Amino acid sequence: MSKQKVQYLDVDAFVSDVLEAMKLGDVPAPVLVELRETIADRLADRIMNTILSSFGDKEMKMYENVLQDHKELDELDALMIISQNIDGLPDKIERNINSLYEELIYNADKIEEAMTA
């Protein structure tokens, strides 16, 4: 029996919001699955890069300890927990998540414009 992972960031909700805003219509299921995975990966990369660029030695040690002590957490959740202790970082993460959302929607709009032109 696998352990259920605790999640502090609702990646599925973000991906669903992006896909809904993209208005993709009748996309084949395999393409939709791949698109969901790609968006989730881009979100994780954006958040991890934002957090890791703000970490010093102390935060890296805390991160390693959280992962060792809390096997139910994945790497992204551990980073999100540690980031709460860094002044201004939660706001920076939120700005970068919103920025990614806007980029994805903008790109989808441009693709739609090109297809209907």
PDB file of N, CA and C in Angstrom:
ATOM      1  N   MET A   1       0.849  -1.182   0.000  1.00  0.00           N
ATOM      2  CA  MET A   1       0.000   0.000   0.000  1.00  0.00           C
ATOM      3  C   MET A   1       0.891   1.240   0.000  1.00  0.00           C
ATOM      4  N   SER A   2       0.664   2.146  -0.941  1.00  0.00           N
ATOM      5  CA  SER A   2       1.499   3.342  -1.009  1.00  0.00           C
ATOM      6  C   SER A   2       0.964   4.416  -0.073  1.00  0.00           C
ATOM      7  N   LYS A   3       1.891   5.225   0.419  1.00  0.00           N
ATOM      8  CA  LYS A   3       1.522   6.317   1.304  1.00  0.00           C
ATOM      9  C   LYS A   3       0.982   7.475   0.493  1.00  0.00           C
ATOM     10  N   GLN A   4      -0.040   8.103   1.007  1.00  0.00           N
ATOM     11  CA  GLN A   4      -0.579   9.298   0.356  1.00  0.00           C
ATOM     12  C   GLN A   4       0.345  10.470   0.672  1.00  0.00           C
ATOM     13  N   LYS A   5       0.751  11.186  -0.358  1.00  0.00           N
ATOM     14  CA  LYS A   5       1.605  12.355  -0.175  1.00  0.00           C
ATOM     15  C   LYS A   5       0.751  13.540   0.268  1.00  0.00           C
ATOM     16  N   VAL A   6       1.279  14.299   1.219  1.00  0.00           N
ATOM     17  CA  VAL A   6       0.648  15.541   1.632  1.00  0.00           C
ATOM     18  C   VAL A   6       1.082  16.602   0.644  1.00  0.00           C
ATOM     19  N   GLN A   7       0.152  17.422   0.210  1.00  0.00           N
ATOM     20  CA  GLN A   7       0.490  18.423  -0.790  1.00  0.00           C
ATOM     21  C   GLN A   7       0.057  19.798  -0.299  1.00  0.00           C
ATOM     22  N   TYR A   8       0.991  20.748  -0.340  1.00  0.00           N
ATOM     23  CA  TYR A   8       0.718  22.095   0.128  1.00  0.00           C
ATOM     24  C   TYR A   8       0.440  23.050  -1.023  1.00  0.00           C
ATOM     25  N   LEU A   9       0.722  22.647  -2.225  1.00  0.00           N
ATOM     26  CA  LEU A   9       0.447  23.433  -3.413  1.00  0.00           C
ATOM     27  C   LEU A   9      -0.448  22.586  -4.301  1.00  0.00           C
ATOM     28  N   ASP A  10      -1.584  23.108  -4.688  1.00  0.00           N
ATOM     29  CA  ASP A  10      -2.525  22.330  -5.489  1.00  0.00           C
ATOM     30  C   ASP A  10      -2.187  22.472  -6.970  1.00  0.00           C
ATOM     31  N   VAL A  11      -1.250  21.652  -7.408  1.00  0.00           N
ATOM     32  CA  VAL A  11      -0.780  21.678  -8.792  1.00  0.00           C
ATOM     33  C   VAL A  11      -1.919  21.327  -9.743  1.00  0.00           C
ATOM     34  N   ASP A  12      -2.720  20.337  -9.385  1.00  0.00           N
ATOM     35  CA  ASP A  12      -3.830  19.926 -10.255  1.00  0.00           C
ATOM     36  C   ASP A  12      -4.816  21.068 -10.489  1.00  0.00           C
ATOM     37  N   ALA A  13      -5.092  21.841  -9.450  1.00  0.00           N
ATOM     38  CA  ALA A  13      -6.011  22.971  -9.602  1.00  0.00           C
ATOM     39  C   ALA A  13      -5.421  24.025 -10.530  1.00  0.00           C
ATOM     40  N   PHE A  14      -4.115  24.298 -10.384  1.00  0.00           N
ATOM     41  CA  PHE A  14      -3.454  25.266 -11.266  1.00  0.00           C
ATOM     42  C   PHE A  14      -3.546  24.796 -12.715  1.00  0.00           C
ATOM     43  N   VAL A  15      -3.200  23.540 -12.949  1.00  0.00           N
ATOM     44  CA  VAL A  15      -3.225  22.987 -14.307  1.00  0.00           C
ATOM     45  C   VAL A  15      -4.643  23.041 -14.874  1.00  0.00           C
ATOM     46  N   SER A  16      -5.628  22.676 -14.077  1.00  0.00           N
ATOM     47  CA  SER A  16      -7.023  22.716 -14.538  1.00  0.00           C
ATOM     48  C   SER A  16      -7.450  24.137 -14.891  1.00  0.00           C
ATOM     49  N   ASP A  17      -7.051  25.107 -14.065  1.00  0.00           N
ATOM     50  CA  ASP A  17      -7.376  26.510 -14.350  1.00  0.00           C
ATOM     51  C   ASP A  17      -6.754  26.963 -15.665  1.00  0.00           C
ATOM     52  N   VAL A  18      -5.495  26.583 -15.889  1.00  0.00           N
ATOM     53  CA  VAL A  18      -4.813  26.957 -17.133  1.00  0.00           C
ATOM     54  C   VAL A  18      -5.523  26.329 -18.327  1.00  0.00           C
ATOM     55  N   LEU A  19      -5.813  25.046 -18.239  1.00  0.00           N
ATOM     56  CA  LEU A  19      -6.463  24.355 -19.359  1.00  0.00           C
ATOM     57  C   LEU A  19      -7.847  24.929 -19.646  1.00  0.00           C
ATOM     58  N   GLU A  20      -8.574  25.272 -18.596  1.00  0.00           N
ATOM     59  CA  GLU A  20      -9.894  25.874 -18.785  1.00  0.00           C
ATOM     60  C   GLU A  20      -9.769  27.227 -19.491  1.00  0.00           C
ATOM     61  N   ALA A  21      -8.793  28.029 -19.077  1.00  0.00           N
ATOM     62  CA  ALA A  21      -8.589  29.344 -19.685  1.00  0.00           C
ATOM     63  C   ALA A  21      -8.100  29.237 -21.126  1.00  0.00           C
ATOM     64  N   MET A  22      -7.427  28.133 -21.449  1.00  0.00           N
ATOM     65  CA  MET A  22      -6.922  27.938 -22.813  1.00  0.00           C
ATOM     66  C   MET A  22      -8.034  27.599 -23.802  1.00  0.00           C
ATOM     67  N   LYS A  23      -9.183  27.152 -23.303  1.00  0.00           N
ATOM     68  CA  LYS A  23     -10.335  26.822 -24.156  1.00  0.00           C
ATOM     69  C   LYS A  23      -9.930  25.905 -25.308  1.00  0.00           C
ATOM     70  N   LEU A  24      -9.389  24.758 -24.953  1.00  0.00           N
ATOM     71  CA  LEU A  24      -8.855  23.855 -25.965  1.00  0.00           C
ATOM     72  C   LEU A  24      -9.914  23.063 -26.715  1.00  0.00           C
ATOM     73  N   GLY A  25     -11.106  23.000 -26.185  1.00  0.00           N
ATOM     74  CA  GLY A  25     -12.158  22.282 -26.900  1.00  0.00           C
ATOM     75  C   GLY A  25     -11.948  20.782 -26.889  1.00  0.00           C
ATOM     76  N   ASP A  26     -12.051  20.181 -28.065  1.00  0.00           N
ATOM     77  CA  ASP A  26     -11.990  18.723 -28.193  1.00  0.00           C
ATOM     78  C   ASP A  26     -10.572  18.237 -28.452  1.00  0.00           C
ATOM     79  N   VAL A  27      -9.749  18.320 -27.449  1.00  0.00           N
ATOM     80  CA  VAL A  27      -8.377  17.834 -27.559  1.00  0.00           C
ATOM     81  C   VAL A  27      -8.385  16.344 -27.224  1.00  0.00           C
ATOM     82  N   PRO A  28      -7.719  15.522 -28.032  1.00  0.00           N
ATOM     83  CA  PRO A  28      -7.665  14.084 -27.730  1.00  0.00           C
ATOM     84  C   PRO A  28      -7.059  13.825 -26.342  1.00  0.00           C
ATOM     85  N   ALA A  29      -7.572  12.811 -25.670  1.00  0.00           N
ATOM     86  CA  ALA A  29      -7.144  12.502 -24.303  1.00  0.00           C
ATOM     87  C   ALA A  29      -5.632  12.360 -24.157  1.00  0.00           C
ATOM     88  N   PRO A  30      -4.931  11.647 -25.051  1.00  0.00           N
ATOM     89  CA  PRO A  30      -3.477  11.523 -24.884  1.00  0.00           C
ATOM     90  C   PRO A  30      -2.757  12.880 -24.941  1.00  0.00           C
ATOM     91  N   VAL A  31      -3.246  13.766 -25.792  1.00  0.00           N
ATOM     92  CA  VAL A  31      -2.645  15.102 -25.893  1.00  0.00           C
ATOM     93  C   VAL A  31      -2.920  15.888 -24.616  1.00  0.00           C
ATOM     94  N   LEU A  32      -4.130  15.767 -24.095  1.00  0.00           N
ATOM     95  CA  LEU A  32      -4.500  16.458 -22.868  1.00  0.00           C
ATOM     96  C   LEU A  32      -3.657  15.981 -21.690  1.00  0.00           C
ATOM     97  N   VAL A  33      -3.423  14.683 -21.599  1.00  0.00           N
ATOM     98  CA  VAL A  33      -2.589  14.130 -20.527  1.00  0.00           C
ATOM     99  C   VAL A  33      -1.172  14.686 -20.625  1.00  0.00           C
ATOM    100  N   GLU A  34      -0.630  14.693 -21.830  1.00  0.00           N
ATOM    101  CA  GLU A  34       0.727  15.213 -22.025  1.00  0.00           C
ATOM    102  C   GLU A  34       0.793  16.703 -21.702  1.00  0.00           C
ATOM    103  N   LEU A  35      -0.215  17.444 -22.091  1.00  0.00           N
ATOM    104  CA  LEU A  35      -0.263  18.873 -21.809  1.00  0.00           C
ATOM    105  C   LEU A  35      -0.343  19.129 -20.311  1.00  0.00           C
ATOM    106  N   ARG A  36      -1.162  18.349 -19.604  1.00  0.00           N
ATOM    107  CA  ARG A  36      -1.262  18.479 -18.138  1.00  0.00           C
ATOM    108  C   ARG A  36       0.103  18.255 -17.493  1.00  0.00           C
ATOM    109  N   GLU A  37       0.807  17.216 -17.931  1.00  0.00           N
ATOM    110  CA  GLU A  37       2.123  16.906 -17.365  1.00  0.00           C
ATOM    111  C   GLU A  37       3.128  18.015 -17.660  1.00  0.00           C
ATOM    112  N   THR A  38       3.086  18.547 -18.866  1.00  0.00           N
ATOM    113  CA  THR A  38       4.010  19.611 -19.254  1.00  0.00           C
ATOM    114  C   THR A  38       3.775  20.869 -18.427  1.00  0.00           C
ATOM    115  N   ILE A  39       2.516  21.242 -18.246  1.00  0.00           N
ATOM    116  CA  ILE A  39       2.199  22.429 -17.446  1.00  0.00           C
ATOM    117  C   ILE A  39       2.620  22.219 -15.997  1.00  0.00           C
ATOM    118  N   ALA A  40       2.343  21.050 -15.443  1.00  0.00           N
ATOM    119  CA  ALA A  40       2.738  20.752 -14.064  1.00  0.00           C
ATOM    120  C   ALA A  40       4.253  20.802 -13.906  1.00  0.00           C
ATOM    121  N   ASP A  41       4.982  20.279 -14.881  1.00  0.00           N
ATOM    122  CA  ASP A  41       6.451  20.321 -14.835  1.00  0.00           C
ATOM    123  C   ASP A  41       6.967  21.753 -14.888  1.00  0.00           C
ATOM    124  N   ARG A  42       6.372  22.573 -15.751  1.00  0.00           N
ATOM    125  CA  ARG A  42       6.796  23.977 -15.847  1.00  0.00           C
ATOM    126  C   ARG A  42       6.522  24.716 -14.549  1.00  0.00           C
ATOM    127  N   LEU A  43       5.392  24.431 -13.918  1.00  0.00           N
ATOM    128  CA  LEU A  43       5.065  25.049 -12.635  1.00  0.00           C
ATOM    129  C   LEU A  43       6.077  24.643 -11.575  1.00  0.00           C
ATOM    130  N   ALA A  44       6.362  23.357 -11.488  1.00  0.00           N
ATOM    131  CA  ALA A  44       7.334  22.872 -10.502  1.00  0.00           C
ATOM    132  C   ALA A  44       8.705  23.492 -10.735  1.00  0.00           C
ATOM    133  N   ASP A  45       9.135  23.553 -11.985  1.00  0.00           N
ATOM    134  CA  ASP A  45      10.433  24.165 -12.296  1.00  0.00           C
ATOM    135  C   ASP A  45      10.465  25.627 -11.884  1.00  0.00           C
ATOM    136  N   ARG A  46       9.400  26.351 -12.187  1.00  0.00           N
ATOM    137  CA  ARG A  46       9.347  27.781 -11.867  1.00  0.00           C
ATOM    138  C   ARG A  46       9.446  27.998 -10.358  1.00  0.00           C
ATOM    139  N   ILE A  47       8.698  27.215  -9.605  1.00  0.00           N
ATOM    140  CA  ILE A  47       8.697  27.368  -8.150  1.00  0.00           C
ATOM    141  C   ILE A  47      10.041  26.954  -7.562  1.00  0.00           C
ATOM    142  N   MET A  48      10.552  25.811  -7.994  1.00  0.00           N
ATOM    143  CA  MET A  48      11.825  25.326  -7.447  1.00  0.00           C
ATOM    144  C   MET A  48      12.960  26.302  -7.742  1.00  0.00           C
ATOM    145  N   ASN A  49      13.009  26.840  -8.945  1.00  0.00           N
ATOM    146  CA  ASN A  49      14.058  27.802  -9.278  1.00  0.00           C
ATOM    147  C   ASN A  49      13.933  29.072  -8.450  1.00  0.00           C
ATOM    148  N   THR A  50      12.719  29.530  -8.240  1.00  0.00           N
ATOM    149  CA  THR A  50      12.485  30.722  -7.426  1.00  0.00           C
ATOM    150  C   THR A  50      12.971  30.501  -6.002  1.00  0.00           C
ATOM    151  N   ILE A  51      12.619  29.371  -5.442  1.00  0.00           N
ATOM    152  CA  ILE A  51      12.983  29.083  -4.055  1.00  0.00           C
ATOM    153  C   ILE A  51      14.479  28.840  -3.919  1.00  0.00           C
ATOM    154  N   LEU A  52      15.017  27.968  -4.750  1.00  0.00           N
ATOM    155  CA  LEU A  52      16.433  27.613  -4.617  1.00  0.00           C
ATOM    156  C   LEU A  52      17.352  28.808  -4.822  1.00  0.00           C
ATOM    157  N   SER A  53      16.945  29.760  -5.648  1.00  0.00           N
ATOM    158  CA  SER A  53      17.782  30.945  -5.851  1.00  0.00           C
ATOM    159  C   SER A  53      17.815  31.825  -4.606  1.00  0.00           C
ATOM    160  N   SER A  54      16.886  31.604  -3.682  1.00  0.00           N
ATOM    161  CA  SER A  54      16.832  32.383  -2.447  1.00  0.00           C
ATOM    162  C   SER A  54      17.430  31.640  -1.253  1.00  0.00           C
ATOM    163  N   PHE A  55      17.809  30.391  -1.439  1.00  0.00           N
ATOM    164  CA  PHE A  55      18.327  29.574  -0.343  1.00  0.00           C
ATOM    165  C   PHE A  55      19.809  29.814  -0.105  1.00  0.00           C
ATOM    166  N   GLY A  56      20.164  29.819   1.172  1.00  0.00           N
ATOM    167  CA  GLY A  56      21.558  29.793   1.580  1.00  0.00           C
ATOM    168  C   GLY A  56      21.856  28.429   2.185  1.00  0.00           C
ATOM    169  N   ASP A  57      23.005  28.294   2.824  1.00  0.00           N
ATOM    170  CA  ASP A  57      23.396  27.015   3.431  1.00  0.00           C
ATOM    171  C   ASP A  57      22.405  26.558   4.501  1.00  0.00           C
ATOM    172  N   LYS A  58      21.942  27.507   5.319  1.00  0.00           N
ATOM    173  CA  LYS A  58      21.013  27.174   6.404  1.00  0.00           C
ATOM    174  C   LYS A  58      19.720  26.573   5.841  1.00  0.00           C
ATOM    175  N   GLU A  59      19.175  27.207   4.811  1.00  0.00           N
ATOM    176  CA  GLU A  59      17.920  26.731   4.229  1.00  0.00           C
ATOM    177  C   GLU A  59      18.096  25.382   3.532  1.00  0.00           C
ATOM    178  N   MET A  60      19.239  25.185   2.894  1.00  0.00           N
ATOM    179  CA  MET A  60      19.490  23.895   2.240  1.00  0.00           C
ATOM    180  C   MET A  60      19.545  22.769   3.269  1.00  0.00           C
ATOM    181  N   LYS A  61      20.149  23.037   4.420  1.00  0.00           N
ATOM    182  CA  LYS A  61      20.218  22.034   5.483  1.00  0.00           C
ATOM    183  C   LYS A  61      18.808  21.741   6.019  1.00  0.00           C
ATOM    184  N   MET A  62      18.014  22.797   6.201  1.00  0.00           N
ATOM    185  CA  MET A  62      16.632  22.613   6.654  1.00  0.00           C
ATOM    186  C   MET A  62      15.850  21.773   5.648  1.00  0.00           C
ATOM    187  N   TYR A  63      16.047  22.048   4.381  1.00  0.00           N
ATOM    188  CA  TYR A  63      15.369  21.323   3.304  1.00  0.00           C
ATOM    189  C   TYR A  63      15.715  19.835   3.370  1.00  0.00           C
ATOM    190  N   GLU A  64      16.995  19.528   3.496  1.00  0.00           N
ATOM    191  CA  GLU A  64      17.428  18.133   3.589  1.00  0.00           C
ATOM    192  C   GLU A  64      16.816  17.450   4.805  1.00  0.00           C
ATOM    193  N   ASN A  65      16.774  18.161   5.935  1.00  0.00           N
ATOM    194  CA  ASN A  65      16.206  17.593   7.158  1.00  0.00           C
ATOM    195  C   ASN A  65      14.704  17.338   7.020  1.00  0.00           C
ATOM    196  N   VAL A  66      13.988  18.264   6.408  1.00  0.00           N
ATOM    197  CA  VAL A  66      12.546  18.088   6.217  1.00  0.00           C
ATOM    198  C   VAL A  66      12.280  16.855   5.357  1.00  0.00           C
ATOM    199  N   LEU A  67      13.044  16.693   4.276  1.00  0.00           N
ATOM    200  CA  LEU A  67      12.850  15.524   3.412  1.00  0.00           C
ATOM    201  C   LEU A  67      13.140  14.221   4.154  1.00  0.00           C
ATOM    202  N   GLN A  68      14.173  14.226   4.994  1.00  0.00           N
ATOM    203  CA  GLN A  68      14.515  13.013   5.747  1.00  0.00           C
ATOM    204  C   GLN A  68      13.471  12.703   6.812  1.00  0.00           C
ATOM    205  N   ASP A  69      12.998  13.745   7.503  1.00  0.00           N
ATOM    206  CA  ASP A  69      12.089  13.550   8.632  1.00  0.00           C
ATOM    207  C   ASP A  69      10.633  13.360   8.224  1.00  0.00           C
ATOM    208  N   HIS A  70      10.277  13.786   7.021  1.00  0.00           N
ATOM    209  CA  HIS A  70       8.880  13.738   6.583  1.00  0.00           C
ATOM    210  C   HIS A  70       8.790  13.076   5.211  1.00  0.00           C
ATOM    211  N   LYS A  71       8.815  11.770   5.221  1.00  0.00           N
ATOM    212  CA  LYS A  71       8.793  10.990   3.974  1.00  0.00           C
ATOM    213  C   LYS A  71       7.505  11.191   3.179  1.00  0.00           C
ATOM    214  N   GLU A  72       6.455  11.687   3.841  1.00  0.00           N
ATOM    215  CA  GLU A  72       5.189  11.900   3.140  1.00  0.00           C
ATOM    216  C   GLU A  72       5.221  13.126   2.227  1.00  0.00           C
ATOM    217  N   LEU A  73       6.248  13.962   2.369  1.00  0.00           N
ATOM    218  CA  LEU A  73       6.367  15.173   1.552  1.00  0.00           C
ATOM    219  C   LEU A  73       7.217  14.917   0.318  1.00  0.00           C
ATOM    220  N   ASP A  74       6.846  15.559  -0.783  1.00  0.00           N
ATOM    221  CA  ASP A  74       7.724  15.510  -1.947  1.00  0.00           C
ATOM    222  C   ASP A  74       8.647  16.729  -1.910  1.00  0.00           C
ATOM    223  N   GLU A  75       9.560  16.811  -2.862  1.00  0.00           N
ATOM    224  CA  GLU A  75      10.566  17.876  -2.854  1.00  0.00           C
ATOM    225  C   GLU A  75       9.938  19.260  -2.940  1.00  0.00           C
ATOM    226  N   LEU A  76       8.947  19.409  -3.787  1.00  0.00           N
ATOM    227  CA  LEU A  76       8.313  20.713  -3.954  1.00  0.00           C
ATOM    228  C   LEU A  76       7.605  21.152  -2.676  1.00  0.00           C
ATOM    229  N   ASP A  77       6.894  20.238  -2.032  1.00  0.00           N
ATOM    230  CA  ASP A  77       6.215  20.581  -0.782  1.00  0.00           C
ATOM    231  C   ASP A  77       7.216  20.967   0.302  1.00  0.00           C
ATOM    232  N   ALA A  78       8.332  20.247   0.385  1.00  0.00           N
ATOM    233  CA  ALA A  78       9.369  20.586   1.367  1.00  0.00           C
ATOM    234  C   ALA A  78       9.922  21.982   1.098  1.00  0.00           C
ATOM    235  N   LEU A  79      10.154  22.298  -0.167  1.00  0.00           N
ATOM    236  CA  LEU A  79      10.642  23.638  -0.517  1.00  0.00           C
ATOM    237  C   LEU A  79       9.627  24.705  -0.132  1.00  0.00           C
ATOM    238  N   MET A  80       8.356  24.442  -0.365  1.00  0.00           N
ATOM    239  CA  MET A  80       7.313  25.411  -0.029  1.00  0.00           C
ATOM    240  C   MET A  80       7.258  25.661   1.479  1.00  0.00           C
ATOM    241  N   ILE A  81       7.447  24.622   2.271  1.00  0.00           N
ATOM    242  CA  ILE A  81       7.438  24.772   3.725  1.00  0.00           C
ATOM    243  C   ILE A  81       8.605  25.642   4.175  1.00  0.00           C
ATOM    244  N   ILE A  82       9.798  25.350   3.702  1.00  0.00           N
ATOM    245  CA  ILE A  82      10.993  26.105   4.093  1.00  0.00           C
ATOM    246  C   ILE A  82      10.876  27.551   3.625  1.00  0.00           C
ATOM    247  N   SER A  83      10.312  27.757   2.457  1.00  0.00           N
ATOM    248  CA  SER A  83      10.248  29.107   1.885  1.00  0.00           C
ATOM    249  C   SER A  83       9.426  30.059   2.742  1.00  0.00           C
ATOM    250  N   GLN A  84       8.512  29.532   3.539  1.00  0.00           N
ATOM    251  CA  GLN A  84       7.691  30.391   4.395  1.00  0.00           C
ATOM    252  C   GLN A  84       8.536  31.155   5.416  1.00  0.00           C
ATOM    253  N   ASN A  85       9.751  30.664   5.679  1.00  0.00           N
ATOM    254  CA  ASN A  85      10.636  31.297   6.657  1.00  0.00           C
ATOM    255  C   ASN A  85      11.537  32.365   6.052  1.00  0.00           C
ATOM    256  N   ILE A  86      11.459  32.573   4.756  1.00  0.00           N
ATOM    257  CA  ILE A  86      12.319  33.547   4.084  1.00  0.00           C
ATOM    258  C   ILE A  86      11.476  34.772   3.748  1.00  0.00           C
ATOM    259  N   ASP A  87      11.867  35.915   4.306  1.00  0.00           N
ATOM    260  CA  ASP A  87      11.107  37.150   4.100  1.00  0.00           C
ATOM    261  C   ASP A  87      10.905  37.452   2.621  1.00  0.00           C
ATOM    262  N   GLY A  88       9.673  37.688   2.254  1.00  0.00           N
ATOM    263  CA  GLY A  88       9.333  38.094   0.900  1.00  0.00           C
ATOM    264  C   GLY A  88       9.246  36.970  -0.116  1.00  0.00           C
ATOM    265  N   LEU A  89       9.721  35.785   0.232  1.00  0.00           N
ATOM    266  CA  LEU A  89       9.734  34.692  -0.740  1.00  0.00           C
ATOM    267  C   LEU A  89       8.338  34.182  -1.100  1.00  0.00           C
ATOM    268  N   PRO A  90       7.422  34.022  -0.144  1.00  0.00           N
ATOM    269  CA  PRO A  90       6.080  33.577  -0.547  1.00  0.00           C
ATOM    270  C   PRO A  90       5.436  34.505  -1.582  1.00  0.00           C
ATOM    271  N   ASP A  91       5.638  35.804  -1.424  1.00  0.00           N
ATOM    272  CA  ASP A  91       5.093  36.752  -2.405  1.00  0.00           C
ATOM    273  C   ASP A  91       5.779  36.600  -3.759  1.00  0.00           C
ATOM    274  N   LYS A  92       7.084  36.373  -3.740  1.00  0.00           N
ATOM    275  CA  LYS A  92       7.837  36.179  -4.986  1.00  0.00           C
ATOM    276  C   LYS A  92       7.355  34.913  -5.707  1.00  0.00           C
ATOM    277  N   ILE A  93       7.108  33.858  -4.943  1.00  0.00           N
ATOM    278  CA  ILE A  93       6.599  32.606  -5.521  1.00  0.00           C
ATOM    279  C   ILE A  93       5.232  32.850  -6.152  1.00  0.00           C
ATOM    280  N   GLU A  94       4.366  33.539  -5.423  1.00  0.00           N
ATOM    281  CA  GLU A  94       3.027  33.814  -5.952  1.00  0.00           C
ATOM    282  C   GLU A  94       3.104  34.636  -7.238  1.00  0.00           C
ATOM    283  N   ARG A  95       3.983  35.641  -7.270  1.00  0.00           N
ATOM    284  CA  ARG A  95       4.146  36.438  -8.491  1.00  0.00           C
ATOM    285  C   ARG A  95       4.619  35.571  -9.652  1.00  0.00           C
ATOM    286  N   ASN A  96       5.552  34.663  -9.384  1.00  0.00           N
ATOM    287  CA  ASN A  96       6.072  33.801 -10.446  1.00  0.00           C
ATOM    288  C   ASN A  96       5.046  32.776 -10.919  1.00  0.00           C
ATOM    289  N   ILE A  97       4.198  32.295 -10.024  1.00  0.00           N
ATOM    290  CA  ILE A  97       3.115  31.391 -10.420  1.00  0.00           C
ATOM    291  C   ILE A  97       2.126  32.149 -11.311  1.00  0.00           C
ATOM    292  N   ASN A  98       1.763  33.356 -10.889  1.00  0.00           N
ATOM    293  CA  ASN A  98       0.843  34.170 -11.694  1.00  0.00           C
ATOM    294  C   ASN A  98       1.447  34.513 -13.049  1.00  0.00           C
ATOM    295  N   SER A  99       2.743  34.781 -13.060  1.00  0.00           N
ATOM    296  CA  SER A  99       3.443  35.090 -14.307  1.00  0.00           C
ATOM    297  C   SER A  99       3.403  33.894 -15.259  1.00  0.00           C
ATOM    298  N   LEU A 100       3.626  32.699 -14.737  1.00  0.00           N
ATOM    299  CA  LEU A 100       3.564  31.495 -15.568  1.00  0.00           C
ATOM    300  C   LEU A 100       2.157  31.315 -16.130  1.00  0.00           C
ATOM    301  N   TYR A 101       1.160  31.510 -15.302  1.00  0.00           N
ATOM    302  CA  TYR A 101      -0.228  31.400 -15.757  1.00  0.00           C
ATOM    303  C   TYR A 101      -0.469  32.346 -16.932  1.00  0.00           C
ATOM    304  N   GLU A 102      -0.066  33.594 -16.770  1.00  0.00           N
ATOM    305  CA  GLU A 102      -0.262  34.592 -17.832  1.00  0.00           C
ATOM    306  C   GLU A 102       0.494  34.209 -19.105  1.00  0.00           C
ATOM    307  N   GLU A 103       1.725  33.718 -18.958  1.00  0.00           N
ATOM    308  CA  GLU A 103       2.514  33.287 -20.126  1.00  0.00           C
ATOM    309  C   GLU A 103       1.812  32.159 -20.879  1.00  0.00           C
ATOM    310  N   LEU A 104       1.321  31.182 -20.141  1.00  0.00           N
ATOM    311  CA  LEU A 104       0.666  30.035 -20.772  1.00  0.00           C
ATOM    312  C   LEU A 104      -0.610  30.452 -21.499  1.00  0.00           C
ATOM    313  N   ILE A 105      -1.385  31.313 -20.882  1.00  0.00           N
ATOM    314  CA  ILE A 105      -2.625  31.777 -21.505  1.00  0.00           C
ATOM    315  C   ILE A 105      -2.309  32.634 -22.723  1.00  0.00           C
ATOM    316  N   TYR A 106      -1.317  33.501 -22.611  1.00  0.00           N
ATOM    317  CA  TYR A 106      -0.909  34.357 -23.732  1.00  0.00           C
ATOM    318  C   TYR A 106      -0.483  33.497 -24.921  1.00  0.00           C
ATOM    319  N   ASN A 107       0.342  32.482 -24.637  1.00  0.00           N
ATOM    320  CA  ASN A 107       0.806  31.596 -25.712  1.00  0.00           C
ATOM    321  C   ASN A 107      -0.361  30.850 -26.357  1.00  0.00           C
ATOM    322  N   ALA A 108      -1.319  30.411 -25.556  1.00  0.00           N
ATOM    323  CA  ALA A 108      -2.491  29.716 -26.099  1.00  0.00           C
ATOM    324  C   ALA A 108      -3.310  30.658 -26.978  1.00  0.00           C
ATOM    325  N   ASP A 109      -3.441  31.911 -26.550  1.00  0.00           N
ATOM    326  CA  ASP A 109      -4.178  32.895 -27.356  1.00  0.00           C
ATOM    327  C   ASP A 109      -3.485  33.129 -28.691  1.00  0.00           C
ATOM    328  N   LYS A 110      -2.165  33.192 -28.681  1.00  0.00           N
ATOM    329  CA  LYS A 110      -1.409  33.413 -29.920  1.00  0.00           C
ATOM    330  C   LYS A 110      -1.556  32.224 -30.875  1.00  0.00           C
ATOM    331  N   ILE A 111      -1.553  31.023 -30.323  1.00  0.00           N
ATOM    332  CA  ILE A 111      -1.737  29.823 -31.151  1.00  0.00           C
ATOM    333  C   ILE A 111      -3.131  29.841 -31.776  1.00  0.00           C
ATOM    334  N   GLU A 112      -4.132  30.183 -30.971  1.00  0.00           N
ATOM    335  CA  GLU A 112      -5.508  30.237 -31.485  1.00  0.00           C
ATOM    336  C   GLU A 112      -5.632  31.288 -32.588  1.00  0.00           C
ATOM    337  N   GLU A 113      -5.012  32.458 -32.388  1.00  0.00           N
ATOM    338  CA  GLU A 113      -5.043  33.509 -33.412  1.00  0.00           C
ATOM    339  C   GLU A 113      -4.413  33.018 -34.715  1.00  0.00           C
ATOM    340  N   ALA A 114      -3.289  32.328 -34.598  1.00  0.00           N
ATOM    341  CA  ALA A 114      -2.594  31.830 -35.791  1.00  0.00           C
ATOM    342  C   ALA A 114      -3.433  30.787 -36.526  1.00  0.00           C
ATOM    343  N   MET A 115      -4.153  29.975 -35.770  1.00  0.00           N
ATOM    344  CA  MET A 115      -4.956  28.920 -36.385  1.00  0.00           C
ATOM    345  C   MET A 115      -6.208  29.471 -37.067  1.00  0.00           C
ATOM    346  N   THR A 116      -6.707  30.593 -36.582  1.00  0.00           N
ATOM    347  CA  THR A 116      -7.930  31.158 -37.156  1.00  0.00           C
ATOM    348  C   THR A 116      -7.646  32.250 -38.183  1.00  0.00           C
ATOM    349  N   ALA A 117      -6.382  32.575 -38.384  1.00  0.00           N
ATOM    350  CA  ALA A 117      -6.029  33.647 -39.341  1.00  0.00           C
ATOM    351  C   ALA A 117      -6.057  33.145 -40.768  1.00  0.00           C
TER     352      ALA A 117
END
